[in-house]
Amino acid sequence: MIHRAAQNKLMFVGWSTNALGALAVLAIGVSAYQAYGWLGSEREMIEARRRDDLALMARAEQVRAEHETATSYLASLNAQLTDLKNRLPSSPQEAEFLAQLSRLAEHTGVRLKNFRPGQVANAGSVNTCEVQLSLVGQFASICKLFGGLADVPRFLHVARVTLAGPQSASDACTAEVTINLCFAAAATKQ
């Protein structure tokens, strides 16, 4: 009986050891399964990041091209701004405008008369100086002169034109013109 009790005890210890071993294997299996799931989700996140990185690298050439285009466009805008600032003198410079207009009138066959600088008006960051004058010439020549005003290297605005037709077909037209010459206010021209 002692022998049987020892045998039962030994058997119980064996079963207990087997049960503990089985529990350990089960715990290791559950832990491994959870670790496998966690590693799988990590792998998916890393793969998603890799795809995003590859997409960004593929777009790098496009981004470089867009950057070069934007840089070129900005340089063009800076050149235009410089040109615009150069066309806006710091004072009315009526005499210089008269010389430019006289060359244009000579080129188009129009005669200038009664050039009269007027009042300076403050219009915010840009001031204007009103100039009145008379033009005498053929209608087509006067139109050509107005077209040439776009090539005068300064900002101006034709505020008013009154055109008187000729008395006869061989006579010239007369145009009474008011032009606003633009110039920069002292703080604007920098």
N, C-alpha and C. Protein backbone atom coordinates (compact mmCIF):
# COMPACT_ATOMS: atom_id res chain seq x y z
N MET A 1 0.79 -1.15 0.00
CA MET A 1 0.00 0.00 0.00
C MET A 1 0.86 1.26 0.00
N ILE A 2 1.90 1.22 0.64
CA ILE A 2 2.82 2.35 0.66
C ILE A 2 3.38 2.50 -0.74
N HIS A 3 3.64 1.37 -1.28
CA HIS A 3 4.20 1.39 -2.60
C HIS A 3 3.18 1.99 -3.57
N ARG A 4 1.91 1.66 -3.39
CA ARG A 4 0.85 2.14 -4.24
C ARG A 4 0.66 3.64 -4.00
N ALA A 5 0.76 4.10 -2.77
CA ALA A 5 0.60 5.50 -2.45
C ALA A 5 1.74 6.29 -3.08
N ALA A 6 2.96 5.71 -3.03
CA ALA A 6 4.10 6.38 -3.64
C ALA A 6 3.92 6.38 -5.14
N GLN A 7 3.39 5.30 -5.66
CA GLN A 7 3.16 5.21 -7.10
C GLN A 7 2.09 6.22 -7.52
N ASN A 8 1.02 6.35 -6.73
CA ASN A 8 -0.04 7.33 -7.03
C ASN A 8 0.51 8.75 -6.93
N LYS A 9 1.36 8.94 -5.91
CA LYS A 9 1.94 10.27 -5.74
C LYS A 9 2.85 10.58 -6.92
N LEU A 10 3.64 9.59 -7.33
CA LEU A 10 4.52 9.75 -8.46
C LEU A 10 3.71 10.01 -9.73
N MET A 11 2.64 9.36 -9.87
CA MET A 11 1.77 9.51 -11.02
C MET A 11 1.14 10.91 -11.01
N PHE A 12 0.74 11.32 -9.79
CA PHE A 12 0.16 12.64 -9.66
C PHE A 12 1.18 13.70 -10.01
N VAL A 13 2.43 13.54 -9.59
CA VAL A 13 3.51 14.47 -9.89
C VAL A 13 3.77 14.44 -11.38
N GLY A 14 3.73 13.32 -12.02
CA GLY A 14 3.94 13.20 -13.46
C GLY A 14 2.84 13.90 -14.23
N TRP A 15 1.60 13.69 -13.77
CA TRP A 15 0.48 14.35 -14.44
C TRP A 15 0.55 15.86 -14.23
N SER A 16 0.93 16.21 -13.02
CA SER A 16 1.05 17.63 -12.72
C SER A 16 2.14 18.26 -13.58
N THR A 17 3.23 17.53 -13.71
CA THR A 17 4.33 18.03 -14.52
C THR A 17 3.89 18.11 -15.97
N ASN A 18 3.20 17.09 -16.42
CA ASN A 18 2.69 17.12 -17.80
C ASN A 18 1.68 18.26 -17.99
N ALA A 19 0.83 18.45 -16.98
CA ALA A 19 -0.17 19.52 -17.06
C ALA A 19 0.52 20.87 -17.07
N LEU A 20 1.55 21.00 -16.20
CA LEU A 20 2.30 22.26 -16.18
C LEU A 20 3.03 22.47 -17.51
N GLY A 21 3.58 21.41 -18.05
CA GLY A 21 4.27 21.50 -19.35
C GLY A 21 3.29 21.89 -20.45
N ALA A 22 2.10 21.25 -20.41
CA ALA A 22 1.08 21.57 -21.40
C ALA A 22 0.64 23.02 -21.27
N LEU A 23 0.48 23.49 -20.01
CA LEU A 23 0.09 24.88 -19.80
C LEU A 23 1.19 25.83 -20.30
N ALA A 24 2.44 25.45 -20.04
CA ALA A 24 3.55 26.27 -20.51
C ALA A 24 3.58 26.32 -22.03
N VAL A 25 3.38 25.15 -22.67
CA VAL A 25 3.35 25.11 -24.13
C VAL A 25 2.17 25.94 -24.65
N LEU A 26 1.01 25.82 -23.98
CA LEU A 26 -0.17 26.59 -24.37
C LEU A 26 0.10 28.09 -24.21
N ALA A 27 0.72 28.50 -23.10
CA ALA A 27 1.03 29.91 -22.87
C ALA A 27 2.02 30.42 -23.92
N ILE A 28 3.02 29.59 -24.22
CA ILE A 28 3.99 29.98 -25.25
C ILE A 28 3.30 30.09 -26.60
N GLY A 29 2.39 29.16 -26.90
CA GLY A 29 1.66 29.20 -28.18
C GLY A 29 0.79 30.45 -28.29
N VAL A 30 0.07 30.76 -27.19
CA VAL A 30 -0.79 31.97 -27.20
C VAL A 30 0.09 33.21 -27.35
N SER A 31 1.20 33.27 -26.61
CA SER A 31 2.12 34.41 -26.72
C SER A 31 2.69 34.51 -28.13
N ALA A 32 3.05 33.39 -28.71
CA ALA A 32 3.60 33.39 -30.07
C ALA A 32 2.54 33.87 -31.06
N TYR A 33 1.30 33.43 -30.87
CA TYR A 33 0.21 33.84 -31.78
C TYR A 33 -0.01 35.35 -31.67
N GLN A 34 -0.01 35.88 -30.43
CA GLN A 34 -0.19 37.31 -30.25
C GLN A 34 1.00 38.08 -30.84
N ALA A 35 2.20 37.58 -30.62
CA ALA A 35 3.39 38.22 -31.18
C ALA A 35 3.35 38.19 -32.70
N TYR A 36 2.89 37.07 -33.27
CA TYR A 36 2.77 36.96 -34.73
C TYR A 36 1.77 37.99 -35.26
N GLY A 37 0.64 38.16 -34.57
CA GLY A 37 -0.36 39.17 -34.97
C GLY A 37 0.21 40.57 -34.88
N TRP A 38 0.93 40.86 -33.79
CA TRP A 38 1.53 42.18 -33.61
C TRP A 38 2.59 42.43 -34.68
N LEU A 39 3.43 41.43 -34.93
CA LEU A 39 4.46 41.58 -35.97
C LEU A 39 3.83 41.76 -37.35
N GLY A 40 2.72 41.07 -37.59
CA GLY A 40 2.02 41.22 -38.87
C GLY A 40 1.50 42.64 -39.06
N SER A 41 0.91 43.22 -38.01
CA SER A 41 0.41 44.60 -38.13
C SER A 41 1.58 45.58 -38.27
N GLU A 42 2.67 45.34 -37.58
CA GLU A 42 3.86 46.18 -37.73
C GLU A 42 4.40 46.07 -39.16
N ARG A 43 4.43 44.87 -39.69
CA ARG A 43 4.90 44.67 -41.07
C ARG A 43 4.02 45.43 -42.04
N GLU A 44 2.70 45.41 -41.85
CA GLU A 44 1.78 46.14 -42.72
C GLU A 44 2.01 47.64 -42.63
N MET A 45 2.25 48.15 -41.40
CA MET A 45 2.51 49.59 -41.25
C MET A 45 3.82 49.97 -41.94
N ILE A 46 4.84 49.13 -41.78
CA ILE A 46 6.12 49.42 -42.42
C ILE A 46 5.98 49.35 -43.94
N GLU A 47 5.21 48.40 -44.43
CA GLU A 47 4.98 48.29 -45.88
C GLU A 47 4.23 49.52 -46.40
N ALA A 48 3.24 49.99 -45.64
CA ALA A 48 2.50 51.19 -46.05
C ALA A 48 3.44 52.40 -46.09
N ARG A 49 4.31 52.53 -45.08
CA ARG A 49 5.29 53.63 -45.08
C ARG A 49 6.24 53.53 -46.26
N ARG A 50 6.65 52.31 -46.57
CA ARG A 50 7.57 52.09 -47.70
C ARG A 50 6.89 52.51 -49.00
N ARG A 51 5.61 52.15 -49.18
CA ARG A 51 4.88 52.55 -50.39
C ARG A 51 4.76 54.07 -50.47
N ASP A 52 4.47 54.71 -49.33
CA ASP A 52 4.39 56.18 -49.31
C ASP A 52 5.73 56.81 -49.66
N ASP A 53 6.81 56.26 -49.09
CA ASP A 53 8.15 56.78 -49.39
C ASP A 53 8.49 56.61 -50.87
N LEU A 54 8.14 55.47 -51.43
CA LEU A 54 8.40 55.24 -52.86
C LEU A 54 7.59 56.21 -53.72
N ALA A 55 6.35 56.46 -53.30
CA ALA A 55 5.52 57.42 -54.05
C ALA A 55 6.13 58.82 -53.98
N LEU A 56 6.62 59.21 -52.81
CA LEU A 56 7.25 60.52 -52.67
C LEU A 56 8.52 60.62 -53.51
N MET A 57 9.29 59.55 -53.50
CA MET A 57 10.52 59.56 -54.31
C MET A 57 10.18 59.63 -55.79
N ALA A 58 9.10 58.97 -56.19
CA ALA A 58 8.69 59.02 -57.60
C ALA A 58 8.24 60.43 -57.97
N ARG A 59 7.63 61.14 -57.01
CA ARG A 59 7.17 62.51 -57.27
C ARG A 59 8.29 63.53 -57.17
N ALA A 60 9.45 63.12 -56.67
CA ALA A 60 10.55 64.07 -56.45
C ALA A 60 10.91 64.79 -57.74
N GLU A 61 10.96 64.09 -58.86
CA GLU A 61 11.30 64.73 -60.14
C GLU A 61 10.24 65.75 -60.53
N GLN A 62 8.97 65.39 -60.30
CA GLN A 62 7.89 66.32 -60.61
C GLN A 62 7.98 67.55 -59.71
N VAL A 63 8.27 67.33 -58.43
CA VAL A 63 8.40 68.45 -57.50
C VAL A 63 9.57 69.34 -57.90
N ARG A 64 10.68 68.74 -58.31
CA ARG A 64 11.83 69.53 -58.78
C ARG A 64 11.44 70.38 -59.99
N ALA A 65 10.73 69.76 -60.93
CA ALA A 65 10.31 70.50 -62.13
C ALA A 65 9.36 71.63 -61.76
N GLU A 66 8.43 71.37 -60.84
CA GLU A 66 7.51 72.42 -60.40
C GLU A 66 8.27 73.53 -59.67
N HIS A 67 9.28 73.17 -58.89
CA HIS A 67 10.10 74.16 -58.19
C HIS A 67 10.85 75.03 -59.20
N GLU A 68 11.42 74.40 -60.23
CA GLU A 68 12.14 75.18 -61.25
C GLU A 68 11.19 76.11 -61.99
N THR A 69 9.99 75.63 -62.30
CA THR A 69 8.99 76.47 -62.96
C THR A 69 8.60 77.64 -62.08
N ALA A 70 8.36 77.36 -60.79
CA ALA A 70 7.98 78.42 -59.86
C ALA A 70 9.11 79.43 -59.69
N THR A 71 10.35 78.95 -59.64
CA THR A 71 11.50 79.84 -59.50
C THR A 71 11.63 80.74 -60.73
N SER A 72 11.44 80.15 -61.90
CA SER A 72 11.51 80.92 -63.14
C SER A 72 10.39 81.96 -63.19
N TYR A 73 9.19 81.55 -62.78
CA TYR A 73 8.05 82.47 -62.77
C TYR A 73 8.29 83.62 -61.79
N LEU A 74 8.84 83.31 -60.62
CA LEU A 74 9.14 84.34 -59.63
C LEU A 74 10.18 85.31 -60.17
N ALA A 75 11.20 84.80 -60.85
CA ALA A 75 12.21 85.68 -61.44
C ALA A 75 11.58 86.59 -62.49
N SER A 76 10.65 86.04 -63.27
CA SER A 76 9.94 86.84 -64.28
C SER A 76 9.11 87.93 -63.61
N LEU A 77 8.42 87.58 -62.52
CA LEU A 77 7.63 88.59 -61.80
C LEU A 77 8.52 89.67 -61.20
N ASN A 78 9.68 89.28 -60.68
CA ASN A 78 10.61 90.27 -60.13
C ASN A 78 11.11 91.22 -61.22
N ALA A 79 11.38 90.67 -62.41
CA ALA A 79 11.81 91.51 -63.53
C ALA A 79 10.70 92.47 -63.93
N GLN A 80 9.46 91.97 -63.97
CA GLN A 80 8.32 92.83 -64.31
C GLN A 80 8.14 93.92 -63.26
N LEU A 81 8.29 93.55 -61.98
CA LEU A 81 8.15 94.55 -60.91
C LEU A 81 9.22 95.63 -61.04
N THR A 82 10.44 95.22 -61.34
CA THR A 82 11.52 96.20 -61.54
C THR A 82 11.19 97.12 -62.70
N ASP A 83 10.69 96.53 -63.80
CA ASP A 83 10.31 97.33 -64.96
C ASP A 83 9.18 98.30 -64.60
N LEU A 84 8.20 97.81 -63.85
CA LEU A 84 7.09 98.68 -63.45
C LEU A 84 7.57 99.81 -62.56
N LYS A 85 8.48 99.51 -61.63
CA LYS A 85 9.02 100.57 -60.77
C LYS A 85 9.80 101.59 -61.59
N ASN A 86 10.51 101.12 -62.63
CA ASN A 86 11.26 102.03 -63.49
C ASN A 86 10.33 102.92 -64.30
N ARG A 87 9.12 102.45 -64.57
CA ARG A 87 8.16 103.25 -65.33
C ARG A 87 7.40 104.23 -64.45
N LEU A 88 7.71 104.24 -63.17
CA LEU A 88 7.03 105.13 -62.23
C LEU A 88 8.08 106.05 -61.61
N PRO A 89 8.32 107.21 -62.24
CA PRO A 89 9.37 108.11 -61.72
C PRO A 89 8.97 108.69 -60.37
N SER A 90 9.92 109.33 -59.71
CA SER A 90 9.67 109.88 -58.38
C SER A 90 9.08 111.29 -58.43
N SER A 91 9.02 111.88 -59.63
CA SER A 91 8.40 113.20 -59.81
C SER A 91 7.67 113.20 -61.15
N PRO A 92 6.82 114.19 -61.41
CA PRO A 92 6.04 114.18 -62.66
C PRO A 92 6.88 114.18 -63.94
N GLN A 93 8.02 114.84 -63.93
CA GLN A 93 8.92 114.92 -65.08
C GLN A 93 8.16 115.28 -66.36
N GLU A 94 7.43 116.41 -66.30
CA GLU A 94 6.62 116.84 -67.44
C GLU A 94 7.48 117.14 -68.66
N ALA A 95 8.67 117.72 -68.46
CA ALA A 95 9.54 118.07 -69.59
C ALA A 95 10.00 116.80 -70.32
N GLU A 96 10.34 115.77 -69.55
CA GLU A 96 10.75 114.50 -70.17
C GLU A 96 9.59 113.89 -70.95
N PHE A 97 8.39 113.96 -70.38
CA PHE A 97 7.22 113.44 -71.08
C PHE A 97 6.97 114.24 -72.36
N LEU A 98 7.13 115.56 -72.31
CA LEU A 98 6.95 116.39 -73.51
C LEU A 98 7.94 115.97 -74.59
N ALA A 99 9.18 115.69 -74.21
CA ALA A 99 10.19 115.25 -75.19
C ALA A 99 9.78 113.90 -75.80
N GLN A 100 9.31 112.96 -74.97
CA GLN A 100 8.88 111.65 -75.48
C GLN A 100 7.68 111.81 -76.40
N LEU A 101 6.73 112.64 -75.99
CA LEU A 101 5.52 112.86 -76.79
C LEU A 101 5.86 113.59 -78.09
N SER A 102 6.81 114.51 -78.05
CA SER A 102 7.22 115.24 -79.26
C SER A 102 7.84 114.28 -80.28
N ARG A 103 8.69 113.34 -79.81
CA ARG A 103 9.27 112.34 -80.72
C ARG A 103 8.17 111.48 -81.34
N LEU A 104 7.21 111.09 -80.52
CA LEU A 104 6.10 110.26 -81.01
C LEU A 104 5.26 111.06 -82.01
N ALA A 105 5.01 112.33 -81.73
CA ALA A 105 4.23 113.17 -82.64
C ALA A 105 4.96 113.36 -83.96
N GLU A 106 6.26 113.58 -83.90
CA GLU A 106 7.05 113.73 -85.13
C GLU A 106 7.00 112.44 -85.95
N HIS A 107 7.11 111.31 -85.27
CA HIS A 107 7.08 110.01 -85.95
C HIS A 107 5.72 109.73 -86.62
N THR A 108 4.65 110.21 -86.01
CA THR A 108 3.30 109.92 -86.55
C THR A 108 2.77 111.04 -87.43
N GLY A 109 3.47 112.16 -87.50
CA GLY A 109 3.02 113.26 -88.36
C GLY A 109 1.95 114.12 -87.70
N VAL A 110 1.96 114.20 -86.40
CA VAL A 110 0.99 115.01 -85.66
C VAL A 110 1.73 116.20 -85.05
N ARG A 111 1.06 117.34 -85.01
CA ARG A 111 1.64 118.55 -84.42
C ARG A 111 1.10 118.72 -83.00
N LEU A 112 1.99 119.02 -82.05
CA LEU A 112 1.60 119.29 -80.67
C LEU A 112 1.43 120.79 -80.48
N LYS A 113 0.40 121.16 -79.73
CA LYS A 113 0.18 122.57 -79.41
C LYS A 113 -0.29 122.68 -77.97
N ASN A 114 -0.05 123.80 -77.37
CA ASN A 114 -0.61 124.15 -76.06
C ASN A 114 -0.35 123.11 -74.97
N PHE A 115 0.89 122.68 -74.79
CA PHE A 115 1.22 121.72 -73.73
C PHE A 115 1.18 122.47 -72.41
N ARG A 116 0.26 122.06 -71.50
CA ARG A 116 0.07 122.77 -70.24
C ARG A 116 0.06 121.78 -69.07
N PRO A 117 1.16 121.74 -68.27
CA PRO A 117 1.12 120.91 -67.05
C PRO A 117 0.13 121.51 -66.06
N GLY A 118 -0.55 120.65 -65.33
CA GLY A 118 -1.57 121.12 -64.39
C GLY A 118 -1.26 120.74 -62.96
N GLN A 119 -2.30 120.49 -62.23
CA GLN A 119 -2.22 120.21 -60.80
C GLN A 119 -1.72 118.80 -60.52
N VAL A 120 -1.03 118.66 -59.40
CA VAL A 120 -0.62 117.35 -58.90
C VAL A 120 -1.70 116.87 -57.94
N ALA A 121 -2.10 115.63 -58.09
CA ALA A 121 -3.13 115.05 -57.21
C ALA A 121 -2.56 113.81 -56.54
N ASN A 122 -2.87 113.67 -55.25
CA ASN A 122 -2.42 112.50 -54.51
C ASN A 122 -3.51 111.44 -54.63
N ALA A 123 -3.12 110.27 -55.13
CA ALA A 123 -4.07 109.17 -55.29
C ALA A 123 -3.60 107.96 -54.49
N GLY A 124 -3.19 108.19 -53.26
CA GLY A 124 -2.70 107.08 -52.43
C GLY A 124 -1.20 106.91 -52.59
N SER A 125 -0.79 105.73 -53.01
CA SER A 125 0.65 105.47 -53.16
C SER A 125 1.19 105.98 -54.48
N VAL A 126 0.31 106.38 -55.39
CA VAL A 126 0.72 106.92 -56.69
C VAL A 126 0.10 108.30 -56.84
N ASN A 127 0.92 109.27 -57.20
CA ASN A 127 0.44 110.62 -57.46
C ASN A 127 0.26 110.80 -58.96
N THR A 128 -0.56 111.77 -59.33
CA THR A 128 -0.74 112.07 -60.75
C THR A 128 -0.55 113.57 -60.99
N CYS A 129 -0.12 113.87 -62.19
CA CYS A 129 0.00 115.26 -62.63
C CYS A 129 -0.77 115.38 -63.93
N GLU A 130 -1.74 116.27 -63.95
CA GLU A 130 -2.57 116.43 -65.14
C GLU A 130 -1.85 117.30 -66.17
N VAL A 131 -1.85 116.85 -67.42
CA VAL A 131 -1.24 117.59 -68.52
C VAL A 131 -2.31 117.75 -69.60
N GLN A 132 -2.47 118.96 -70.09
CA GLN A 132 -3.41 119.22 -71.17
C GLN A 132 -2.63 119.64 -72.40
N LEU A 133 -3.11 119.22 -73.58
CA LEU A 133 -2.43 119.57 -74.82
C LEU A 133 -3.41 119.45 -75.98
N SER A 134 -3.00 119.99 -77.10
CA SER A 134 -3.78 119.89 -78.33
C SER A 134 -2.96 119.15 -79.36
N LEU A 135 -3.62 118.31 -80.15
CA LEU A 135 -2.99 117.58 -81.24
C LEU A 135 -3.66 118.00 -82.54
N VAL A 136 -2.86 118.22 -83.57
CA VAL A 136 -3.40 118.60 -84.87
C VAL A 136 -2.80 117.66 -85.90
N GLY A 137 -3.68 117.00 -86.67
CA GLY A 137 -3.19 116.08 -87.69
C GLY A 137 -4.33 115.28 -88.29
N GLN A 138 -3.99 114.43 -89.22
CA GLN A 138 -4.99 113.55 -89.83
C GLN A 138 -5.52 112.59 -88.77
N PHE A 139 -6.77 112.19 -88.92
CA PHE A 139 -7.40 111.31 -87.94
C PHE A 139 -6.57 110.04 -87.72
N ALA A 140 -6.12 109.40 -88.79
CA ALA A 140 -5.34 108.17 -88.68
C ALA A 140 -4.02 108.42 -87.95
N SER A 141 -3.43 109.58 -88.17
CA SER A 141 -2.17 109.91 -87.50
C SER A 141 -2.38 110.13 -86.00
N ILE A 142 -3.48 110.78 -85.66
CA ILE A 142 -3.79 110.99 -84.23
C ILE A 142 -4.04 109.63 -83.56
N CYS A 143 -4.74 108.74 -84.23
CA CYS A 143 -4.98 107.39 -83.69
C CYS A 143 -3.66 106.65 -83.51
N LYS A 144 -2.75 106.81 -84.47
CA LYS A 144 -1.44 106.17 -84.39
C LYS A 144 -0.66 106.71 -83.19
N LEU A 145 -0.76 108.02 -82.94
CA LEU A 145 -0.09 108.61 -81.79
C LEU A 145 -0.64 108.02 -80.49
N PHE A 146 -1.96 107.90 -80.38
CA PHE A 146 -2.55 107.30 -79.17
C PHE A 146 -2.10 105.85 -79.01
N GLY A 147 -1.97 105.13 -80.10
CA GLY A 147 -1.46 103.75 -80.03
C GLY A 147 -0.02 103.72 -79.55
N GLY A 148 0.77 104.71 -79.93
CA GLY A 148 2.17 104.77 -79.53
C GLY A 148 2.37 105.15 -78.07
N LEU A 149 1.33 105.71 -77.43
CA LEU A 149 1.46 106.07 -76.01
C LEU A 149 1.73 104.84 -75.14
N ALA A 150 1.32 103.67 -75.61
CA ALA A 150 1.57 102.44 -74.85
C ALA A 150 3.06 102.13 -74.77
N ASP A 151 3.83 102.63 -75.71
CA ASP A 151 5.27 102.37 -75.72
C ASP A 151 6.08 103.42 -74.97
N VAL A 152 5.43 104.47 -74.48
CA VAL A 152 6.13 105.48 -73.69
C VAL A 152 6.53 104.82 -72.37
N PRO A 153 7.79 104.92 -71.98
CA PRO A 153 8.28 104.18 -70.80
C PRO A 153 7.88 104.80 -69.46
N ARG A 154 6.61 105.03 -69.27
CA ARG A 154 6.10 105.50 -67.98
C ARG A 154 4.61 105.26 -67.92
N PHE A 155 4.08 105.29 -66.72
CA PHE A 155 2.63 105.10 -66.56
C PHE A 155 1.93 106.42 -66.80
N LEU A 156 0.89 106.33 -67.61
CA LEU A 156 0.06 107.50 -67.85
C LEU A 156 -1.36 107.02 -68.13
N HIS A 157 -2.28 107.94 -68.04
CA HIS A 157 -3.69 107.62 -68.26
C HIS A 157 -4.30 108.75 -69.09
N VAL A 158 -4.86 108.39 -70.23
CA VAL A 158 -5.55 109.38 -71.04
C VAL A 158 -6.92 109.58 -70.40
N ALA A 159 -7.10 110.74 -69.77
CA ALA A 159 -8.31 111.00 -69.00
C ALA A 159 -9.45 111.52 -69.87
N ARG A 160 -9.10 112.30 -70.92
CA ARG A 160 -10.16 112.90 -71.73
C ARG A 160 -9.63 113.20 -73.12
N VAL A 161 -10.47 112.97 -74.13
CA VAL A 161 -10.14 113.33 -75.51
C VAL A 161 -11.39 113.94 -76.13
N THR A 162 -11.22 115.12 -76.69
CA THR A 162 -12.29 115.75 -77.45
C THR A 162 -11.76 115.94 -78.86
N LEU A 163 -12.41 115.33 -79.83
CA LEU A 163 -11.93 115.36 -81.21
C LEU A 163 -12.85 116.24 -82.05
N ALA A 164 -12.25 117.20 -82.74
CA ALA A 164 -13.00 118.07 -83.66
C ALA A 164 -12.62 117.66 -85.07
N GLY A 165 -13.60 117.35 -85.86
CA GLY A 165 -13.35 116.92 -87.24
C GLY A 165 -12.89 118.07 -88.11
N PRO A 166 -12.38 117.76 -89.28
CA PRO A 166 -11.88 118.81 -90.18
C PRO A 166 -13.03 119.58 -90.83
N GLN A 167 -12.74 120.83 -91.23
CA GLN A 167 -13.73 121.66 -91.93
C GLN A 167 -13.96 121.13 -93.34
N SER A 168 -12.87 120.65 -93.94
CA SER A 168 -13.00 120.04 -95.27
C SER A 168 -12.14 118.77 -95.27
N ALA A 169 -12.27 117.97 -96.31
CA ALA A 169 -11.58 116.68 -96.37
C ALA A 169 -10.06 116.83 -96.33
N SER A 170 -9.54 117.93 -96.78
CA SER A 170 -8.08 118.10 -96.80
C SER A 170 -7.54 118.70 -95.50
N ASP A 171 -8.42 119.19 -94.62
CA ASP A 171 -7.98 119.80 -93.37
C ASP A 171 -7.65 118.72 -92.32
N ALA A 172 -6.95 119.16 -91.28
CA ALA A 172 -6.57 118.24 -90.20
C ALA A 172 -7.62 118.26 -89.09
N CYS A 173 -7.61 117.22 -88.30
CA CYS A 173 -8.46 117.14 -87.11
C CYS A 173 -7.72 117.80 -85.95
N THR A 174 -8.47 118.21 -84.96
CA THR A 174 -7.89 118.75 -83.74
C THR A 174 -8.42 117.93 -82.57
N ALA A 175 -7.50 117.53 -81.68
CA ALA A 175 -7.90 116.78 -80.50
C ALA A 175 -7.41 117.51 -79.27
N GLU A 176 -8.33 117.78 -78.34
CA GLU A 176 -7.98 118.34 -77.05
C GLU A 176 -7.86 117.15 -76.09
N VAL A 177 -6.69 117.03 -75.45
CA VAL A 177 -6.39 115.82 -74.68
C VAL A 177 -5.97 116.19 -73.26
N THR A 178 -6.45 115.40 -72.31
CA THR A 178 -5.99 115.51 -70.92
C THR A 178 -5.37 114.17 -70.55
N ILE A 179 -4.11 114.22 -70.12
CA ILE A 179 -3.37 113.02 -69.75
C ILE A 179 -2.93 113.16 -68.30
N ASN A 180 -3.11 112.10 -67.52
CA ASN A 180 -2.60 112.06 -66.15
C ASN A 180 -1.29 111.29 -66.14
N LEU A 181 -0.21 111.99 -65.79
CA LEU A 181 1.10 111.36 -65.65
C LEU A 181 1.21 110.81 -64.23
N CYS A 182 1.57 109.56 -64.10
CA CYS A 182 1.69 108.92 -62.78
C CYS A 182 3.13 108.98 -62.31
N PHE A 183 3.30 109.21 -61.00
CA PHE A 183 4.63 109.16 -60.41
C PHE A 183 4.49 108.69 -58.97
N ALA A 184 5.57 108.16 -58.45
CA ALA A 184 5.53 107.52 -57.13
C ALA A 184 5.51 108.56 -56.02
N ALA A 185 4.75 108.26 -55.00
CA ALA A 185 4.82 109.06 -53.78
C ALA A 185 6.17 108.76 -53.14
N ALA A 186 6.66 109.64 -52.33
CA ALA A 186 8.02 109.52 -51.78
C ALA A 186 8.28 108.17 -51.10
N ALA A 187 7.33 107.63 -50.35
CA ALA A 187 7.56 106.38 -49.60
C ALA A 187 7.42 105.14 -50.48
N THR A 188 6.79 105.26 -51.67
CA THR A 188 6.52 104.09 -52.51
C THR A 188 7.74 103.64 -53.28
N LYS A 189 8.53 104.57 -53.79
CA LYS A 189 9.67 104.25 -54.66
C LYS A 189 10.84 103.81 -53.80
N GLN A 190 11.03 102.51 -53.64
CA GLN A 190 12.12 101.99 -52.80
C GLN A 190 12.97 101.06 -53.59
